[in-house]
Amino acid sequence: MNREWMKVFIAALFEVCWVIGLKHADDLWEWAGTAAAIFISFYLLIAAGKRLPVGTVYAVFVGMGTAGTVLSEILFFGEPVKGIKLVLIVVLLAGVIGLKLVTDEKEGEKVS
């Protein structure tokens, strides 16, 4: 995995943090952490989008963030586990991985 895709992966992890923060933050420090996660997430997403195809970057970011958020809610916050939910997460991740695999990374690179 190259450096730019690592930025997308880390951005998606921070996306999970800020989405959970929007729902569960109760005090100033939790809201500050949520705001910091939003900043870091979008900073990394924008940085990766400068060198990779933006459409693919965004699709991977949202797909990973969605899957991560749903799984975090199940694992940490007692959201009920439904088989169909897990199947749909697998389908979502398969689509995101497939999109990344068929995308030519040079499409989005800047010509210097």
Protein backbone atom coordinates (compact mmCIF):
# COMPACT_ATOMS: atom_id res chain seq x y z
CA MET A 1 0.00 0.00 0.00
CA ASN A 2 1.48 3.32 -0.96
CA ARG A 3 1.67 6.46 1.13
CA GLU A 4 -1.37 8.16 -0.43
CA TRP A 5 -3.67 5.19 0.16
CA MET A 6 -2.39 5.03 3.73
CA LYS A 7 -3.62 8.62 4.12
CA VAL A 8 -7.07 7.53 2.92
CA PHE A 9 -7.10 4.62 5.39
CA ILE A 10 -6.09 6.86 8.32
CA ALA A 11 -8.63 9.51 7.22
CA ALA A 12 -11.34 6.84 7.31
CA LEU A 13 -10.31 5.84 10.84
CA PHE A 14 -10.64 9.45 11.95
CA GLU A 15 -13.98 9.62 10.15
CA VAL A 16 -15.24 6.81 12.36
CA CYS A 17 -14.03 8.77 15.40
CA TRP A 18 -15.76 12.00 14.45
CA VAL A 19 -19.02 10.32 13.43
CA ILE A 20 -19.14 8.53 16.78
CA GLY A 21 -18.21 11.82 18.46
CA LEU A 22 -21.13 13.61 16.83
CA LYS A 23 -23.48 11.09 18.40
CA HIS A 24 -21.87 10.49 21.78
CA ALA A 25 -19.92 13.64 22.76
CA ASP A 26 -21.23 15.13 26.00
CA ASP A 27 -18.61 17.62 27.20
CA LEU A 28 -16.18 20.22 25.88
CA TRP A 29 -13.22 17.84 25.61
CA GLU A 30 -15.18 15.22 23.69
CA TRP A 31 -16.44 17.91 21.31
CA ALA A 32 -12.88 19.23 20.92
CA GLY A 33 -11.72 15.70 20.08
CA THR A 34 -14.54 15.38 17.57
CA ALA A 35 -13.55 18.66 15.92
CA ALA A 36 -9.89 17.58 15.80
CA ALA A 37 -10.91 14.25 14.21
CA ILE A 38 -12.94 16.12 11.56
CA PHE A 39 -9.96 18.33 10.75
CA ILE A 40 -7.47 15.45 10.54
CA SER A 41 -9.86 13.29 8.53
CA PHE A 42 -10.54 15.92 5.88
CA TYR A 43 -6.93 17.14 5.79
CA LEU A 44 -5.71 13.63 4.96
CA LEU A 45 -8.57 13.06 2.49
CA ILE A 46 -7.74 16.27 0.62
CA ALA A 47 -4.01 15.49 0.66
CA ALA A 48 -4.61 12.03 -0.83
CA GLY A 49 -7.00 13.46 -3.42
CA LYS A 50 -4.23 15.66 -4.80
CA ARG A 51 -2.36 12.61 -6.10
CA LEU A 52 -5.03 9.93 -6.49
CA PRO A 53 -8.32 9.87 -8.44
CA VAL A 54 -10.73 11.89 -6.31
CA GLY A 55 -13.81 9.77 -7.07
CA THR A 56 -12.10 6.57 -6.02
CA VAL A 57 -10.53 8.19 -2.96
CA TYR A 58 -13.89 9.49 -1.80
CA ALA A 59 -15.66 6.17 -2.43
CA VAL A 60 -13.01 4.26 -0.47
CA PHE A 61 -13.08 6.84 2.34
CA VAL A 62 -16.87 6.76 2.70
CA GLY A 63 -17.10 2.97 2.36
CA MET A 64 -14.45 2.32 4.98
CA GLY A 65 -15.89 4.99 7.26
CA THR A 66 -19.40 3.57 6.96
CA ALA A 67 -18.27 0.02 7.66
CA GLY A 68 -16.08 1.17 10.54
CA THR A 69 -18.86 3.23 12.08
CA VAL A 70 -21.40 0.39 11.91
CA LEU A 71 -18.93 -2.11 13.35
CA SER A 72 -17.89 0.32 16.11
CA GLU A 73 -21.50 0.88 17.09
CA ILE A 74 -21.98 -2.91 17.32
CA LEU A 75 -18.73 -3.58 19.21
CA PHE A 76 -18.63 -0.61 21.58
CA PHE A 77 -22.14 0.78 21.96
CA GLY A 78 -24.44 -2.25 22.03
CA GLU A 79 -26.07 -1.79 18.64
CA PRO A 80 -27.95 -5.01 17.82
CA VAL A 81 -26.14 -7.39 15.48
CA LYS A 82 -28.18 -8.29 12.44
CA GLY A 83 -26.92 -10.79 9.89
CA ILE A 84 -28.13 -8.71 6.96
CA LYS A 85 -26.20 -5.71 8.29
CA LEU A 86 -22.99 -7.74 8.34
CA VAL A 87 -23.65 -9.12 4.84
CA LEU A 88 -24.21 -5.62 3.50
CA ILE A 89 -20.97 -4.37 5.10
CA VAL A 90 -19.11 -7.20 3.36
CA VAL A 91 -20.76 -6.27 0.04
CA LEU A 92 -19.87 -2.60 0.60
CA LEU A 93 -16.24 -3.42 1.38
CA ALA A 94 -16.02 -5.77 -1.61
CA GLY A 95 -17.21 -2.94 -3.84
CA VAL A 96 -14.73 -0.48 -2.34
CA ILE A 97 -11.83 -2.92 -2.68
CA GLY A 98 -12.88 -3.76 -6.23
CA LEU A 99 -13.06 -0.08 -7.15
CA LYS A 100 -9.58 0.51 -5.78
CA LEU A 101 -8.19 -2.51 -7.62
CA VAL A 102 -9.53 -1.43 -11.01
CA THR A 103 -8.54 2.23 -10.69
CA ASP A 104 -5.39 3.37 -12.42
CA GLU A 105 -3.66 5.50 -9.79
CA LYS A 106 -1.93 7.57 -12.47
CA GLU A 107 -5.31 8.99 -13.53
CA GLY A 108 -5.36 11.35 -10.59
CA GLU A 109 -1.67 12.25 -10.35
CA LYS A 110 -0.69 15.82 -11.02
CA VAL A 111 1.68 16.43 -13.88
CA SER A 112 4.63 18.43 -12.60
